């Protein structure tokens, strides 16, 4: 094990209590000045599901159990987008702290990812309730959803570090990423069946790691089966590449951050 890896592990052990506090702070800030607070973790996916079910269930009547179909896919997408977006802005938003005292900067991005993971776990209760109401069978394959979730978190962390590093120098990155995530939402079959995409545009799905993760989620929650090996290998490779690039960029440019914030 290299000296850099050993130092990284020592830093993580030293600051893991701080990481826990940062996660709590992120969750509190997310629901600050909200009367319902953390209840929005349940109400937001529920309201979205109701609206889209009313609007699209008749249009896409060939989709089996539209409410669970939508929720199982959208919640994973929301986890990736929320985690990567908060990780991206965390480096700039926490500048007041790391300019005063030394804290490994990756902790801010990691806390953003983990706080969104907590929100995702809470929103799973809504999914389970809808599965129960609509008669979807709870199978052992739900446990295997832990791997796609982990891959999503790693991918969000990598994207957050890359974008966060760029955002320190070019603040337009934050706004451009919001446009990108909107495009990603419509590119993914979240509220429509994947089969309606014309053949000439199938490459949008084939080269999109989130497409495979969304399919994994539906296999585990809706269809009660185990996803294919390729459906986790492709996004796992993408996640590792993104994380490696993100760590490299952060290490290379973090000493210059103080000049731009």
Protein backbone atom coordinates (compact mmCIF):
# COMPACT_ATOMS: atom_id res chain seq x y z
CA UNK A 1 0.00 0.00 0.00
CA UNK A 2 1.45 3.39 -1.02
CA UNK A 3 2.13 6.30 1.36
CA UNK A 4 -0.67 8.29 -0.29
CA UNK A 5 -3.17 5.50 0.33
CA UNK A 6 -2.04 5.12 3.95
CA UNK A 7 -2.31 8.89 4.49
CA UNK A 8 -5.79 8.85 2.94
CA UNK A 9 -6.95 6.10 5.30
CA UNK A 10 -5.45 7.88 8.30
CA UNK A 11 -7.18 11.12 7.29
CA UNK A 12 -10.50 9.33 6.94
CA UNK A 13 -10.20 7.70 10.38
CA UNK A 14 -9.15 11.00 11.92
CA UNK A 15 -12.05 12.96 10.44
CA UNK A 16 -14.86 10.37 10.36
CA UNK A 17 -16.62 12.03 13.32
CA UNK A 18 -16.49 15.31 11.41
CA UNK A 19 -17.91 13.51 8.38
CA UNK A 20 -20.84 12.36 10.50
CA UNK A 21 -21.49 15.94 11.61
CA UNK A 22 -21.27 17.20 8.03
CA UNK A 23 -23.87 14.65 6.92
CA UNK A 24 -26.21 15.79 9.71
CA UNK A 25 -25.63 19.42 8.74
CA UNK A 26 -26.38 18.73 5.08
CA UNK A 27 -29.66 17.05 5.97
CA UNK A 28 -30.66 19.90 8.30
CA UNK A 29 -29.82 22.54 5.69
CA UNK A 30 -31.77 20.67 3.03
CA UNK A 31 -34.97 20.93 5.09
CA UNK A 32 -34.23 24.25 6.79
CA UNK A 33 -37.25 26.58 7.09
CA UNK A 34 -39.51 23.71 5.99
CA UNK A 35 -42.54 23.04 8.17
CA UNK A 36 -42.72 19.38 7.17
CA UNK A 37 -38.96 18.90 7.28
CA UNK A 38 -37.77 15.36 6.60
CA UNK A 39 -41.33 14.34 5.67
CA UNK A 40 -40.57 15.74 2.24
CA UNK A 41 -38.39 12.67 1.71
CA UNK A 42 -41.67 10.75 1.65
CA UNK A 43 -44.01 13.33 0.15
CA UNK A 44 -41.88 14.46 -2.81
CA UNK A 45 -41.59 11.04 -4.54
CA UNK A 46 -45.20 10.26 -3.60
CA UNK A 47 -46.59 13.45 -5.18
CA UNK A 48 -44.46 13.01 -8.29
CA UNK A 49 -45.63 9.43 -8.65
CA UNK A 50 -49.31 10.39 -8.30
CA UNK A 51 -49.08 13.18 -10.88
CA UNK A 52 -47.19 11.14 -13.46
CA UNK A 53 -49.37 8.10 -12.92
CA UNK A 54 -52.48 10.18 -13.63
CA UNK A 55 -50.89 11.82 -16.69
CA UNK A 56 -49.00 8.92 -18.27
CA UNK A 57 -50.43 5.62 -17.05
CA UNK A 58 -53.17 5.67 -19.71
CA UNK A 59 -50.73 6.77 -22.41
CA UNK A 60 -48.25 4.02 -21.53
CA UNK A 61 -50.79 1.39 -20.54
CA UNK A 62 -48.42 -1.40 -21.62
CA UNK A 63 -46.14 -0.57 -18.68
CA UNK A 64 -46.70 -3.07 -15.89
CA UNK A 65 -47.57 -1.37 -12.59
CA UNK A 66 -46.75 2.18 -13.64
CA UNK A 67 -46.41 3.65 -10.09
CA UNK A 68 -43.65 1.19 -9.09
CA UNK A 69 -42.12 1.37 -12.58
CA UNK A 70 -41.74 5.13 -12.22
CA UNK A 71 -40.68 5.26 -8.58
CA UNK A 72 -38.04 2.52 -8.79
CA UNK A 73 -36.34 4.28 -11.69
CA UNK A 74 -36.76 7.92 -10.71
CA UNK A 75 -35.59 7.49 -7.13
CA UNK A 76 -32.23 6.12 -8.26
CA UNK A 77 -31.89 8.93 -10.80
CA UNK A 78 -32.74 11.45 -8.07
CA UNK A 79 -30.08 9.89 -5.82
CA UNK A 80 -27.39 10.33 -8.48
CA UNK A 81 -28.41 13.86 -9.47
CA UNK A 82 -28.93 15.08 -5.92
CA UNK A 83 -25.69 13.58 -4.63
CA UNK A 84 -23.53 14.74 -7.55
CA UNK A 85 -25.04 18.25 -7.55
CA UNK A 86 -24.55 18.77 -3.81
CA UNK A 87 -21.05 17.30 -4.00
CA UNK A 88 -20.26 19.71 -6.84
CA UNK A 89 -21.25 22.85 -4.90
CA UNK A 90 -19.91 21.61 -1.56
CA UNK A 91 -16.33 22.69 -2.25
CA UNK A 92 -17.34 26.30 -2.89
CA UNK A 93 -19.99 26.43 -0.19
CA UNK A 94 -17.59 25.14 2.47
CA UNK A 95 -14.77 27.51 1.52
CA UNK A 96 -15.22 29.50 4.71
CA UNK A 97 -14.25 26.42 6.73
CA UNK A 98 -11.35 24.99 4.75
CA UNK A 99 -9.81 28.45 4.29
CA UNK A 100 -9.56 28.70 8.07
CA UNK A 101 -8.65 25.17 9.15
CA UNK A 102 -7.31 22.11 7.41
CA UNK A 103 -9.94 19.53 6.53
CA UNK A 104 -9.55 17.09 3.60
CA UNK A 105 -11.71 18.66 0.92
CA UNK A 106 -13.12 15.38 -0.31
CA UNK A 107 -15.02 15.08 2.99
CA UNK A 108 -17.41 17.84 1.95
CA UNK A 109 -18.29 16.03 -1.26
CA UNK A 110 -18.54 12.69 0.57
CA UNK A 111 -20.90 14.16 3.18
CA UNK A 112 -23.13 15.48 0.39
CA UNK A 113 -23.27 12.04 -1.22
CA UNK A 114 -24.03 10.29 2.07
CA UNK A 115 -26.76 12.76 3.06
CA UNK A 116 -28.52 12.06 -0.23
CA UNK A 117 -28.12 8.36 0.44
CA UNK A 118 -29.97 8.83 3.74
CA UNK A 119 -32.77 10.64 1.88
CA UNK A 120 -32.93 7.78 -0.62
CA UNK A 121 -33.25 5.22 2.18
CA UNK A 122 -36.14 7.20 3.68
CA UNK A 123 -37.89 7.46 0.32
CA UNK A 124 -37.65 3.67 -0.06
CA UNK A 125 -40.41 3.47 2.53
CA UNK A 126 -42.72 5.15 0.02
CA UNK A 127 -41.70 2.67 -2.67
CA UNK A 128 -42.30 -0.28 -0.35
CA UNK A 129 -45.72 1.11 0.61
CA UNK A 130 -46.73 1.48 -3.06
CA UNK A 131 -45.45 -2.04 -3.79
CA UNK A 132 -47.59 -3.35 -0.95
CA UNK A 133 -50.70 -1.48 -2.12
CA UNK A 134 -50.30 -2.52 -5.76
CA UNK A 135 -49.58 -6.15 -4.94
CA UNK A 136 -45.94 -6.34 -6.04
CA UNK A 137 -44.22 -9.34 -4.48
CA UNK A 138 -41.31 -8.67 -2.13
CA UNK A 139 -38.51 -10.98 -3.21
CA UNK A 140 -35.01 -11.73 -1.99
CA UNK A 141 -33.66 -9.88 -5.03
CA UNK A 142 -34.39 -6.56 -3.32
CA UNK A 143 -31.28 -7.24 -1.23
CA UNK A 144 -29.17 -7.36 -4.40
CA UNK A 145 -30.17 -3.75 -5.11
CA UNK A 146 -27.42 -2.76 -2.67
CA UNK A 147 -24.78 -3.18 -5.42
CA UNK A 148 -26.42 -0.82 -7.98
CA UNK A 149 -26.99 1.69 -5.16
CA UNK A 150 -23.29 1.52 -4.21
CA UNK A 151 -22.28 1.99 -7.85
CA UNK A 152 -24.60 5.01 -8.08
CA UNK A 153 -23.00 6.55 -4.99
CA UNK A 154 -19.47 6.01 -6.33
CA UNK A 155 -20.48 7.48 -9.68
CA UNK A 156 -22.05 10.50 -7.97
CA UNK A 157 -18.92 10.98 -5.85
CA UNK A 158 -16.67 10.87 -8.92
CA UNK A 159 -18.88 13.24 -10.90
CA UNK A 160 -19.16 15.55 -7.89
CA UNK A 161 -15.38 15.76 -7.45
CA UNK A 162 -14.79 16.43 -11.15
CA UNK A 163 -17.52 19.05 -11.41
CA UNK A 164 -16.71 20.52 -7.99
CA UNK A 165 -13.07 21.07 -8.96
CA UNK A 166 -14.12 22.69 -12.23
CA UNK A 167 -16.77 24.76 -10.46
CA UNK A 168 -14.19 26.41 -8.22
CA UNK A 169 -12.55 27.93 -11.29
CA UNK A 170 -15.60 28.30 -13.57
CA UNK A 171 -18.87 28.90 -11.73
CA UNK A 172 -20.85 28.37 -14.94
CA UNK A 173 -20.28 24.64 -14.47
CA UNK A 174 -23.01 24.56 -11.82
CA UNK A 175 -25.60 26.02 -14.19
CA UNK A 176 -24.52 23.88 -17.13
CA UNK A 177 -24.80 20.74 -15.02
CA UNK A 178 -28.41 21.56 -14.12
CA UNK A 179 -29.20 21.70 -17.83
CA UNK A 180 -27.38 18.40 -18.34
CA UNK A 181 -29.32 16.65 -15.57
CA UNK A 182 -32.57 17.85 -17.11
CA UNK A 183 -31.50 16.34 -20.44
CA UNK A 184 -30.48 13.16 -18.62
CA UNK A 185 -33.92 12.87 -17.07
CA UNK A 186 -35.61 12.87 -20.47
CA UNK A 187 -32.96 10.61 -22.00
CA UNK A 188 -33.64 7.93 -19.39
CA UNK A 189 -36.83 5.84 -19.55
CA UNK A 190 -38.06 7.09 -16.18
CA UNK A 191 -41.67 7.87 -17.03
CA UNK A 192 -41.88 6.18 -20.43
CA UNK A 193 -41.02 2.65 -21.63
CA UNK A 194 -37.55 2.22 -23.15
CA UNK A 195 -39.07 0.43 -26.14
CA UNK A 196 -40.58 3.62 -27.60
CA UNK A 197 -37.14 5.06 -28.39
CA UNK A 198 -36.50 4.83 -32.16
CA UNK A 199 -33.70 2.48 -33.18
CA UNK A 200 -31.45 5.28 -34.43
CA UNK A 201 -31.44 6.82 -30.95
CA UNK A 202 -30.81 3.63 -28.98
CA UNK A 203 -27.16 4.65 -28.55
CA UNK A 204 -28.35 7.22 -25.98
CA UNK A 205 -29.31 4.31 -23.75
CA UNK A 206 -26.48 1.93 -24.66
CA UNK A 207 -23.79 4.46 -23.69
CA UNK A 208 -25.59 5.77 -20.60
CA UNK A 209 -24.45 4.05 -17.36
CA UNK A 210 -27.55 5.27 -15.50
CA UNK A 211 -29.76 3.40 -17.98
CA UNK A 212 -28.38 0.08 -16.76
CA UNK A 213 -28.72 1.06 -13.10
CA UNK A 214 -32.35 2.06 -13.61
CA UNK A 215 -32.98 -1.34 -15.21
CA UNK A 216 -31.33 -3.03 -12.23
CA UNK A 217 -33.62 -1.16 -9.88
CA UNK A 218 -36.73 -2.25 -11.74
CA UNK A 219 -35.53 -5.84 -11.93
CA UNK A 220 -35.09 -5.97 -8.15
CA UNK A 221 -38.16 -4.04 -7.04
CA UNK A 222 -40.76 -4.57 -9.77
CA UNK A 223 -39.97 -7.72 -11.72
CA UNK A 224 -38.54 -9.80 -8.88
CA UNK A 225 -35.46 -11.05 -10.69
CA UNK A 226 -31.71 -10.62 -10.66
CA UNK A 227 -30.20 -8.17 -13.12
CA UNK A 228 -27.70 -9.28 -15.74
CA UNK A 229 -23.98 -9.15 -14.97
CA UNK A 230 -23.34 -6.66 -17.78
CA UNK A 231 -25.89 -4.28 -16.25
CA UNK A 232 -23.64 -3.73 -13.24
CA UNK A 233 -20.23 -4.13 -14.90
CA UNK A 234 -20.77 -1.29 -17.39
CA UNK A 235 -21.81 1.35 -14.81
CA UNK A 236 -19.27 0.01 -12.29
CA UNK A 237 -16.42 0.62 -14.75
CA UNK A 238 -17.82 4.09 -15.50
CA UNK A 239 -18.07 4.84 -11.76
CA UNK A 240 -14.48 3.78 -11.05
CA UNK A 241 -13.19 5.87 -13.96
CA UNK A 242 -15.13 8.93 -12.80
CA UNK A 243 -13.92 8.53 -9.22
CA UNK A 244 -10.29 8.10 -10.32
CA UNK A 245 -10.48 11.24 -12.48
CA UNK A 246 -12.19 13.15 -9.69
CA UNK A 247 -9.54 12.21 -7.11
CA UNK A 248 -6.76 13.08 -9.57
CA UNK A 249 -8.21 16.52 -10.37
CA UNK A 250 -8.85 17.35 -6.73
CA UNK A 251 -5.32 16.40 -5.68
CA UNK A 252 -3.80 18.31 -8.59
CA UNK A 253 -5.70 21.58 -8.21
CA UNK A 254 -6.87 21.83 -4.58
CA UNK A 255 -3.90 23.99 -3.55
CA UNK A 256 -5.09 26.65 -6.00
CA UNK A 257 -8.67 26.76 -4.72
CA UNK A 258 -7.93 29.48 -2.21
CA UNK A 259 -7.13 31.90 -5.06
CA UNK A 260 -10.63 31.54 -6.56
CA UNK A 261 -13.01 31.52 -3.58
